Amino acid sequence: EEASALAAALAAADASTPYAGAVRTAAQKIAAAMTGPASA
């Protein structure tokens, strides 16, 4: 549920959102750190 909430929150950060570029790289780091059912 927490992983899904993060996915939804990150999706809301579109190109007009402040620090949108940094959001993308932060998302990649978080995704790389998630494992198991949460990642799926």
Full PDB file with SEQRES, HELIX, SHEET, SSBOND, CRYST1, ORIGX, SCALE, CONECT and MASTER records, all heavy atoms in Angstrom:
SEQRES   1 A   40  GLU GLU ALA SER ALA LEU ALA ALA ALA LEU ALA ALA ALA          
SEQRES   2 A   40  ASP ALA SER THR PRO TYR ALA GLY ALA VAL ARG THR ALA          
SEQRES   3 A   40  ALA GLN LYS ILE ALA ALA ALA MET THR GLY PRO ALA SER          
SEQRES   4 A   40  ALA                                                          
HELIX    1 AA1 GLU A    2  ALA A   11  1                                  10    
HELIX    2 AA2 ALA A   20  ALA A   33  1                                  14    
HELIX    3 AA3 GLY A   36  SER A   39  1                                   4    
CRYST1    1.000    1.000    1.000  90.00  90.00  90.00 P 1           1          
ORIGX1      1.000000  0.000000  0.000000        0.00000                         
ORIGX2      0.000000  1.000000  0.000000        0.00000                         
ORIGX3      0.000000  0.000000  1.000000        0.00000                         
SCALE1      1.000000  0.000000  0.000000        0.00000                         
SCALE2      0.000000  1.000000  0.000000        0.00000                         
SCALE3      0.000000  0.000000  1.000000        0.00000                         
ATOM      1  N   GLU A   1       0.836  -1.204   0.000  1.00  0.00           N  
ATOM      2  CA  GLU A   1       0.000   0.000   0.000  1.00  0.00           C  
ATOM      3  C   GLU A   1       0.874   1.259   0.000  1.00  0.00           C  
ATOM      4  O   GLU A   1       0.582   2.238  -0.694  1.00  0.00           O  
ATOM      5  CB  GLU A   1      -0.924   0.008   1.218  1.00  0.00           C  
ATOM      6  CG  GLU A   1      -2.027  -1.035   1.191  1.00  0.00           C  
ATOM      7  CD  GLU A   1      -1.523  -2.432   1.549  1.00  0.00           C  
ATOM      8  OE1 GLU A   1      -0.367  -2.555   2.068  1.00  0.00           O  
ATOM      9  OE2 GLU A   1      -2.259  -3.396   1.303  1.00  0.00           O  
ATOM     10  N   GLU A   2       1.960   1.266   0.794  1.00  0.00           N  
ATOM     11  CA  GLU A   2       2.862   2.414   0.825  1.00  0.00           C  
ATOM     12  C   GLU A   2       3.543   2.615  -0.528  1.00  0.00           C  
ATOM     13  O   GLU A   2       3.689   3.747  -1.008  1.00  0.00           O  
ATOM     14  CB  GLU A   2       3.913   2.223   1.919  1.00  0.00           C  
ATOM     15  CG  GLU A   2       3.363   2.327   3.334  1.00  0.00           C  
ATOM     16  CD  GLU A   2       4.364   1.889   4.378  1.00  0.00           C  
ATOM     17  OE1 GLU A   2       5.304   1.134   4.031  1.00  0.00           O  
ATOM     18  OE2 GLU A   2       4.215   2.290   5.541  1.00  0.00           O  
ATOM     19  N   ALA A   3       3.948   1.515  -1.142  1.00  0.00           N  
ATOM     20  CA  ALA A   3       4.595   1.602  -2.447  1.00  0.00           C  
ATOM     21  C   ALA A   3       3.632   2.134  -3.503  1.00  0.00           C  
ATOM     22  O   ALA A   3       4.006   2.953  -4.355  1.00  0.00           O  
ATOM     23  CB  ALA A   3       5.123   0.231  -2.868  1.00  0.00           C  
ATOM     24  N   SER A   4       2.377   1.703  -3.442  1.00  0.00           N  
ATOM     25  CA  SER A   4       1.376   2.193  -4.385  1.00  0.00           C  
ATOM     26  C   SER A   4       1.106   3.681  -4.166  1.00  0.00           C  
ATOM     27  O   SER A   4       0.923   4.445  -5.123  1.00  0.00           O  
ATOM     28  CB  SER A   4       0.072   1.404  -4.232  1.00  0.00           C  
ATOM     29  OG  SER A   4       0.271   0.037  -4.551  1.00  0.00           O  
ATOM     30  N   ALA A   5       1.082   4.095  -2.890  1.00  0.00           N  
ATOM     31  CA  ALA A   5       0.879   5.512  -2.578  1.00  0.00           C  
ATOM     32  C   ALA A   5       2.011   6.360  -3.147  1.00  0.00           C  
ATOM     33  O   ALA A   5       1.783   7.455  -3.676  1.00  0.00           O  
ATOM     34  CB  ALA A   5       0.784   5.707  -1.065  1.00  0.00           C  
ATOM     35  N   LEU A   6       3.235   5.863  -3.063  1.00  0.00           N  
ATOM     36  CA  LEU A   6       4.366   6.587  -3.629  1.00  0.00           C  
ATOM     37  C   LEU A   6       4.239   6.702  -5.142  1.00  0.00           C  
ATOM     38  O   LEU A   6       4.519   7.749  -5.726  1.00  0.00           O  
ATOM     39  CB  LEU A   6       5.680   5.877  -3.276  1.00  0.00           C  
ATOM     40  CG  LEU A   6       6.261   6.174  -1.905  1.00  0.00           C  
ATOM     41  CD1 LEU A   6       7.441   5.261  -1.617  1.00  0.00           C  
ATOM     42  CD2 LEU A   6       6.708   7.629  -1.811  1.00  0.00           C  
ATOM     43  N   ALA A   7       3.820   5.618  -5.789  1.00  0.00           N  
ATOM     44  CA  ALA A   7       3.653   5.645  -7.243  1.00  0.00           C  
ATOM     45  C   ALA A   7       2.627   6.700  -7.641  1.00  0.00           C  
ATOM     46  O   ALA A   7       2.830   7.460  -8.598  1.00  0.00           O  
ATOM     47  CB  ALA A   7       3.230   4.263  -7.751  1.00  0.00           C  
ATOM     48  N   ALA A   8       1.513   6.766  -6.907  1.00  0.00           N  
ATOM     49  CA  ALA A   8       0.477   7.754  -7.209  1.00  0.00           C  
ATOM     50  C   ALA A   8       0.984   9.177  -6.976  1.00  0.00           C  
ATOM     51  O   ALA A   8       0.712  10.088  -7.764  1.00  0.00           O  
ATOM     52  CB  ALA A   8      -0.765   7.488  -6.367  1.00  0.00           C  
ATOM     53  N   ALA A   9       1.717   9.378  -5.882  1.00  0.00           N  
ATOM     54  CA  ALA A   9       2.233  10.714  -5.570  1.00  0.00           C  
ATOM     55  C   ALA A   9       3.251  11.163  -6.609  1.00  0.00           C  
ATOM     56  O   ALA A   9       3.248  12.323  -7.036  1.00  0.00           O  
ATOM     57  CB  ALA A   9       2.870  10.716  -4.180  1.00  0.00           C  
ATOM     58  N   LEU A  10       4.115  10.252  -7.039  1.00  0.00           N  
ATOM     59  CA  LEU A  10       5.120  10.601  -8.039  1.00  0.00           C  
ATOM     60  C   LEU A  10       4.472  10.911  -9.381  1.00  0.00           C  
ATOM     61  O   LEU A  10       4.936  11.774 -10.120  1.00  0.00           O  
ATOM     62  CB  LEU A  10       6.127   9.458  -8.191  1.00  0.00           C  
ATOM     63  CG  LEU A  10       7.050   9.228  -6.982  1.00  0.00           C  
ATOM     64  CD1 LEU A  10       7.792   7.913  -7.120  1.00  0.00           C  
ATOM     65  CD2 LEU A  10       8.033  10.385  -6.840  1.00  0.00           C  
ATOM     66  N   ALA A  11       3.386  10.205  -9.703  1.00  0.00           N  
ATOM     67  CA  ALA A  11       2.684  10.455 -10.960  1.00  0.00           C  
ATOM     68  C   ALA A  11       2.082  11.848 -10.996  1.00  0.00           C  
ATOM     69  O   ALA A  11       1.942  12.455 -12.055  1.00  0.00           O  
ATOM     70  CB  ALA A  11       1.591   9.410 -11.167  1.00  0.00           C  
ATOM     71  N   ALA A  12       1.716  12.377  -9.819  1.00  0.00           N  
ATOM     72  CA  ALA A  12       1.102  13.707  -9.749  1.00  0.00           C  
ATOM     73  C   ALA A  12       2.115  14.819  -9.980  1.00  0.00           C  
ATOM     74  O   ALA A  12       1.748  15.958 -10.226  1.00  0.00           O  
ATOM     75  CB  ALA A  12       0.423  13.895  -8.391  1.00  0.00           C  
ATOM     76  N   ALA A  13       3.400  14.487  -9.901  1.00  0.00           N  
ATOM     77  CA  ALA A  13       4.451  15.489 -10.102  1.00  0.00           C  
ATOM     78  C   ALA A  13       4.740  15.602 -11.589  1.00  0.00           C  
ATOM     79  O   ALA A  13       5.613  14.930 -12.119  1.00  0.00           O  
ATOM     80  CB  ALA A  13       5.710  15.100  -9.328  1.00  0.00           C  
ATOM     81  N   ASP A  14       3.969  16.442 -12.299  1.00  0.00           N  
ATOM     82  CA  ASP A  14       4.158  16.574 -13.738  1.00  0.00           C  
ATOM     83  C   ASP A  14       5.239  17.609 -14.045  1.00  0.00           C  
ATOM     84  O   ASP A  14       5.923  18.106 -13.152  1.00  0.00           O  
ATOM     85  CB  ASP A  14       2.840  16.933 -14.429  1.00  0.00           C  
ATOM     86  CG  ASP A  14       2.283  18.285 -13.964  1.00  0.00           C  
ATOM     87  OD1 ASP A  14       3.047  19.058 -13.351  1.00  0.00           O  
ATOM     88  OD2 ASP A  14       1.099  18.544 -14.218  1.00  0.00           O  
ATOM     89  N   ALA A  15       5.385  17.934 -15.333  1.00  0.00           N  
ATOM     90  CA  ALA A  15       6.478  18.803 -15.758  1.00  0.00           C  
ATOM     91  C   ALA A  15       6.391  20.202 -15.173  1.00  0.00           C  
ATOM     92  O   ALA A  15       7.389  20.920 -15.117  1.00  0.00           O  
ATOM     93  CB  ALA A  15       6.500  18.884 -17.284  1.00  0.00           C  
ATOM     94  N   SER A  16       5.195  20.627 -14.746  1.00  0.00           N  
ATOM     95  CA  SER A  16       5.039  21.971 -14.193  1.00  0.00           C  
ATOM     96  C   SER A  16       5.299  22.024 -12.694  1.00  0.00           C  
ATOM     97  O   SER A  16       5.318  23.096 -12.097  1.00  0.00           O  
ATOM     98  CB  SER A  16       3.622  22.488 -14.477  1.00  0.00           C  
ATOM     99  OG  SER A  16       2.653  21.680 -13.832  1.00  0.00           O  
ATOM    100  N   THR A  17       5.481  20.884 -12.069  1.00  0.00           N  
ATOM    101  CA  THR A  17       5.720  20.827 -10.621  1.00  0.00           C  
ATOM    102  C   THR A  17       7.140  21.279 -10.296  1.00  0.00           C  
ATOM    103  O   THR A  17       8.085  20.898 -10.988  1.00  0.00           O  
ATOM    104  CB  THR A  17       5.514  19.392 -10.112  1.00  0.00           C  
ATOM    105  OG1 THR A  17       4.213  18.939 -10.455  1.00  0.00           O  
ATOM    106  CG2 THR A  17       5.694  19.311  -8.609  1.00  0.00           C  
ATOM    107  N   PRO A  18       7.318  22.087  -9.257  1.00  0.00           N  
ATOM    108  CA  PRO A  18       8.683  22.460  -8.861  1.00  0.00           C  
ATOM    109  C   PRO A  18       9.544  21.232  -8.601  1.00  0.00           C  
ATOM    110  O   PRO A  18       9.079  20.245  -8.047  1.00  0.00           O  
ATOM    111  CB  PRO A  18       8.459  23.275  -7.580  1.00  0.00           C  
ATOM    112  CG  PRO A  18       7.072  23.811  -7.716  1.00  0.00           C  
ATOM    113  CD  PRO A  18       6.293  22.742  -8.429  1.00  0.00           C  
ATOM    114  N   TYR A  19      10.785  21.295  -9.033  1.00  0.00           N  
ATOM    115  CA  TYR A  19      11.757  20.219  -8.855  1.00  0.00           C  
ATOM    116  C   TYR A  19      11.325  18.925  -9.562  1.00  0.00           C  
ATOM    117  O   TYR A  19      11.654  17.820  -9.122  1.00  0.00           O  
ATOM    118  CB  TYR A  19      12.017  19.955  -7.367  1.00  0.00           C  
ATOM    119  CG  TYR A  19      12.514  21.172  -6.635  1.00  0.00           C  
ATOM    120  CD1 TYR A  19      11.628  21.973  -5.909  1.00  0.00           C  
ATOM    121  CD2 TYR A  19      13.847  21.550  -6.685  1.00  0.00           C  
ATOM    122  CE1 TYR A  19      12.071  23.129  -5.252  1.00  0.00           C  
ATOM    123  CE2 TYR A  19      14.296  22.699  -6.034  1.00  0.00           C  
ATOM    124  CZ  TYR A  19      13.405  23.473  -5.322  1.00  0.00           C  
ATOM    125  OH  TYR A  19      13.847  24.605  -4.673  1.00  0.00           O  
ATOM    126  N   ALA A  20      10.594  19.053 -10.695  1.00  0.00           N  
ATOM    127  CA  ALA A  20      10.110  17.872 -11.419  1.00  0.00           C  
ATOM    128  C   ALA A  20      11.261  16.991 -11.887  1.00  0.00           C  
ATOM    129  O   ALA A  20      11.161  15.759 -11.868  1.00  0.00           O  
ATOM    130  CB  ALA A  20       9.246  18.299 -12.608  1.00  0.00           C  
ATOM    131  N   GLY A  21      12.355  17.610 -12.328  1.00  0.00           N  
ATOM    132  CA  GLY A  21      13.497  16.814 -12.774  1.00  0.00           C  
ATOM    133  C   GLY A  21      14.085  15.992 -11.648  1.00  0.00           C  
ATOM    134  O   GLY A  21      14.418  14.812 -11.822  1.00  0.00           O  
ATOM    135  N   ALA A  22      14.203  16.601 -10.469  1.00  0.00           N  
ATOM    136  CA  ALA A  22      14.740  15.879  -9.313  1.00  0.00           C  
ATOM    137  C   ALA A  22      13.784  14.792  -8.850  1.00  0.00           C  
ATOM    138  O   ALA A  22      14.220  13.768  -8.312  1.00  0.00           O  
ATOM    139  CB  ALA A  22      15.019  16.859  -8.167  1.00  0.00           C  
ATOM    140  N   VAL A  23      12.472  15.002  -9.059  1.00  0.00           N  
ATOM    141  CA  VAL A  23      11.490  13.975  -8.692  1.00  0.00           C  
ATOM    142  C   VAL A  23      11.764  12.695  -9.467  1.00  0.00           C  
ATOM    143  O   VAL A  23      11.691  11.588  -8.926  1.00  0.00           O  
ATOM    144  CB  VAL A  23      10.051  14.466  -8.965  1.00  0.00           C  
ATOM    145  CG1 VAL A  23       9.055  13.310  -8.901  1.00  0.00           C  
ATOM    146  CG2 VAL A  23       9.655  15.526  -7.942  1.00  0.00           C  
ATOM    147  N   ARG A  24      12.099  12.826 -10.757  1.00  0.00           N  
ATOM    148  CA  ARG A  24      12.348  11.634 -11.573  1.00  0.00           C  
ATOM    149  C   ARG A  24      13.542  10.849 -11.061  1.00  0.00           C  
ATOM    150  O   ARG A  24      13.493   9.620 -10.958  1.00  0.00           O  
ATOM    151  CB  ARG A  24      12.555  12.046 -13.030  1.00  0.00           C  
ATOM    152  CG  ARG A  24      11.278  12.460 -13.745  1.00  0.00           C  
ATOM    153  CD  ARG A  24      11.486  12.554 -15.244  1.00  0.00           C  
ATOM    154  NE  ARG A  24      12.408  13.631 -15.599  1.00  0.00           N  
ATOM    155  CZ  ARG A  24      12.031  14.883 -15.795  1.00  0.00           C  
ATOM    156  NH1 ARG A  24      10.760  15.219 -15.675  1.00  0.00           N  
ATOM    157  NH2 ARG A  24      12.914  15.812 -16.127  1.00  0.00           N  
ATOM    158  N   THR A  25      14.652  11.542 -10.752  1.00  0.00           N  
ATOM    159  CA  THR A  25      15.827  10.812 -10.288  1.00  0.00           C  
ATOM    160  C   THR A  25      15.596  10.238  -8.893  1.00  0.00           C  
ATOM    161  O   THR A  25      16.072   9.141  -8.576  1.00  0.00           O  
ATOM    162  CB  THR A  25      17.066  11.729 -10.280  1.00  0.00           C  
ATOM    163  OG1 THR A  25      16.806  12.892  -9.483  1.00  0.00           O  
ATOM    164  CG2 THR A  25      17.407  12.159 -11.700  1.00  0.00           C  
ATOM    165  N   ALA A  26      14.840  10.958  -8.044  1.00  0.00           N  
ATOM    166  CA  ALA A  26      14.518  10.431  -6.719  1.00  0.00           C  
ATOM    167  C   ALA A  26      13.667   9.174  -6.848  1.00  0.00           C  
ATOM    168  O   ALA A  26      13.858   8.192  -6.108  1.00  0.00           O  
ATOM    169  CB  ALA A  26      13.779  11.475  -5.886  1.00  0.00           C  
ATOM    170  N   ALA A  27      12.730   9.184  -7.800  1.00  0.00           N  
ATOM    171  CA  ALA A  27      11.871   8.013  -8.010  1.00  0.00           C  
ATOM    172  C   ALA A  27      12.698   6.807  -8.425  1.00  0.00           C  
ATOM    173  O   ALA A  27      12.435   5.672  -8.000  1.00  0.00           O  
ATOM    174  CB  ALA A  27      10.815   8.322  -9.067  1.00  0.00           C  
ATOM    175  N   GLN A  28      13.712   7.035  -9.259  1.00  0.00           N  
ATOM    176  CA  GLN A  28      14.562   5.928  -9.696  1.00  0.00           C  
ATOM    177  C   GLN A  28      15.331   5.336  -8.521  1.00  0.00           C  
ATOM    178  O   GLN A  28      15.495   4.119  -8.415  1.00  0.00           O  
ATOM    179  CB  GLN A  28      15.514   6.417 -10.787  1.00  0.00           C  
ATOM    180  CG  GLN A  28      14.805   6.713 -12.105  1.00  0.00           C  
ATOM    181  CD  GLN A  28      15.697   7.433 -13.100  1.00  0.00           C  
ATOM    182  OE1 GLN A  28      16.523   8.276 -12.717  1.00  0.00           O  
ATOM    183  NE2 GLN A  28      15.542   7.117 -14.363  1.00  0.00           N  
ATOM    184  N   LYS A  29      15.778   6.196  -7.620  1.00  0.00           N  
ATOM    185  CA  LYS A  29      16.518   5.703  -6.451  1.00  0.00           C  
ATOM    186  C   LYS A  29      15.605   4.909  -5.515  1.00  0.00           C  
ATOM    187  O   LYS A  29      15.987   3.869  -4.988  1.00  0.00           O  
ATOM    188  CB  LYS A  29      17.159   6.873  -5.700  1.00  0.00           C  
ATOM    189  CG  LYS A  29      18.268   7.556  -6.470  1.00  0.00           C  
ATOM    190  CD  LYS A  29      18.819   8.746  -5.695  1.00  0.00           C  
ATOM    191  CE  LYS A  29      19.883   9.473  -6.492  1.00  0.00           C  
ATOM    192  NZ  LYS A  29      20.414  10.659  -5.771  1.00  0.00           N  
ATOM    193  N   ILE A  30      14.391   5.434  -5.321  1.00  0.00           N  
ATOM    194  CA  ILE A  30      13.444   4.730  -4.456  1.00  0.00           C  
ATOM    195  C   ILE A  30      13.078   3.386  -5.060  1.00  0.00           C  
ATOM    196  O   ILE A  30      13.020   2.357  -4.372  1.00  0.00           O  
ATOM    197  CB  ILE A  30      12.183   5.583  -4.233  1.00  0.00           C  
ATOM    198  CG1 ILE A  30      12.525   6.825  -3.399  1.00  0.00           C  
ATOM    199  CG2 ILE A  30      11.093   4.775  -3.526  1.00  0.00           C  
ATOM    200  CD1 ILE A  30      11.394   7.831  -3.284  1.00  0.00           C  
ATOM    201  N   ALA A  31      12.845   3.369  -6.376  1.00  0.00           N  
ATOM    202  CA  ALA A  31      12.481   2.117  -7.049  1.00  0.00           C  
ATOM    203  C   ALA A  31      13.593   1.090  -6.922  1.00  0.00           C  
ATOM    204  O   ALA A  31      13.339  -0.107  -6.727  1.00  0.00           O  
ATOM    205  CB  ALA A  31      12.169   2.389  -8.513  1.00  0.00           C  
ATOM    206  N   ALA A  32      14.840   1.554  -7.019  1.00  0.00           N  
ATOM    207  CA  ALA A  32      15.968   0.626  -6.910  1.00  0.00           C  
ATOM    208  C   ALA A  32      16.112   0.065  -5.504  1.00  0.00           C  
ATOM    209  O   ALA A  32      16.670  -1.021  -5.313  1.00  0.00           O  
ATOM    210  CB  ALA A  32      17.260   1.331  -7.310  1.00  0.00           C  
ATOM    211  N   ALA A  33      15.598   0.790  -4.512  1.00  0.00           N  
ATOM    212  CA  ALA A  33      15.726   0.346  -3.124  1.00  0.00           C  
ATOM    213  C   ALA A  33      14.555  -0.519  -2.670  1.00  0.00           C  
ATOM    214  O   ALA A  33      14.622  -1.146  -1.620  1.00  0.00           O  
ATOM    215  CB  ALA A  33      15.853   1.552  -2.196  1.00  0.00           C  
ATOM    216  N   MET A  34      13.462  -0.550  -3.439  1.00  0.00           N  
ATOM    217  CA  MET A  34      12.300  -1.359  -3.062  1.00  0.00           C  
ATOM    218  C   MET A  34      12.478  -2.804  -3.520  1.00  0.00           C  
ATOM    219  O   MET A  34      13.043  -3.064  -4.579  1.00  0.00           O  
ATOM    220  CB  MET A  34      11.019  -0.786  -3.673  1.00  0.00           C  
ATOM    221  CG  MET A  34      10.527   0.463  -3.001  1.00  0.00           C  
ATOM    222  SD  MET A  34       8.824   0.897  -3.465  1.00  0.00           S  
ATOM    223  CE  MET A  34       9.023   1.237  -5.210  1.00  0.00           C  
ATOM    224  N   THR A  35      12.000  -3.717  -2.731  1.00  0.00           N  
ATOM    225  CA  THR A  35      12.113  -5.129  -3.069  1.00  0.00           C  
ATOM    226  C   THR A  35      10.776  -5.832  -2.828  1.00  0.00           C  
ATOM    227  O   THR A  35       9.875  -5.300  -2.182  1.00  0.00           O  
ATOM    228  CB  THR A  35      13.185  -5.821  -2.195  1.00  0.00           C  
ATOM    229  OG1 THR A  35      12.824  -5.672  -0.805  1.00  0.00           O  
ATOM    230  CG2 THR A  35      14.560  -5.219  -2.428  1.00  0.00           C  
ATOM    231  N   GLY A  36      10.669  -7.055  -3.349  1.00  0.00           N  
ATOM    232  CA  GLY A  36       9.542  -7.947  -3.053  1.00  0.00           C  
ATOM    233  C   GLY A  36       8.192  -7.421  -3.479  1.00  0.00           C  
ATOM    234  O   GLY A  36       8.048  -6.730  -4.485  1.00  0.00           O  
ATOM    235  N   PRO A  37       7.145  -7.735  -2.692  1.00  0.00           N  
ATOM    236  CA  PRO A  37       5.763  -7.361  -3.033  1.00  0.00           C  
ATOM    237  C   PRO A  37       5.566  -5.857  -3.200  1.00  0.00           C  
ATOM    238  O   PRO A  37       4.757  -5.430  -4.020  1.00  0.00           O  
ATOM    239  CB  PRO A  37       4.952  -7.889  -1.844  1.00  0.00           C  
ATOM    240  CG  PRO A  37       5.785  -8.983  -1.264  1.00  0.00           C  
ATOM    241  CD  PRO A  37       7.202  -8.550  -1.456  1.00  0.00           C  
ATOM    242  N   ALA A  38       6.309  -5.055  -2.444  1.00  0.00           N  
ATOM    243  CA  ALA A  38       6.164  -3.605  -2.549  1.00  0.00           C  
ATOM    244  C   ALA A  38       6.579  -3.128  -3.935  1.00  0.00           C  
ATOM    245  O   ALA A  38       5.895  -2.326  -4.572  1.00  0.00           O  
ATOM    246  CB  ALA A  38       6.999  -2.907  -1.482  1.00  0.00           C  
ATOM    247  N   SER A  39       7.702  -3.633  -4.412  1.00  0.00           N  
ATOM    248  CA  SER A  39       8.171  -3.255  -5.739  1.00  0.00           C  
ATOM    249  C   SER A  39       7.177  -3.680  -6.809  1.00  0.00           C  
ATOM    250  O   SER A  39       6.867  -2.921  -7.728  1.00  0.00           O  
ATOM    251  CB  SER A  39       9.539  -3.892  -6.007  1.00  0.00           C  
ATOM    252  OG  SER A  39      10.005  -3.554  -7.295  1.00  0.00           O  
ATOM    253  N   ALA A  40       6.653  -4.887  -6.670  1.00  0.00           N  
ATOM    254  CA  ALA A  40       5.681  -5.394  -7.647  1.00  0.00           C  
ATOM    255  C   ALA A  40       4.405  -4.548  -7.641  1.00  0.00           C  
ATOM    256  O   ALA A  40       3.838  -4.246  -8.703  1.00  0.00           O  
ATOM    257  CB  ALA A  40       5.357  -6.854  -7.345  1.00  0.00           C  
TER     258      ALA A  40                                                      
MASTER        0    0    0    3    0    0    0    6  257    1    0    4          
END                                                                             
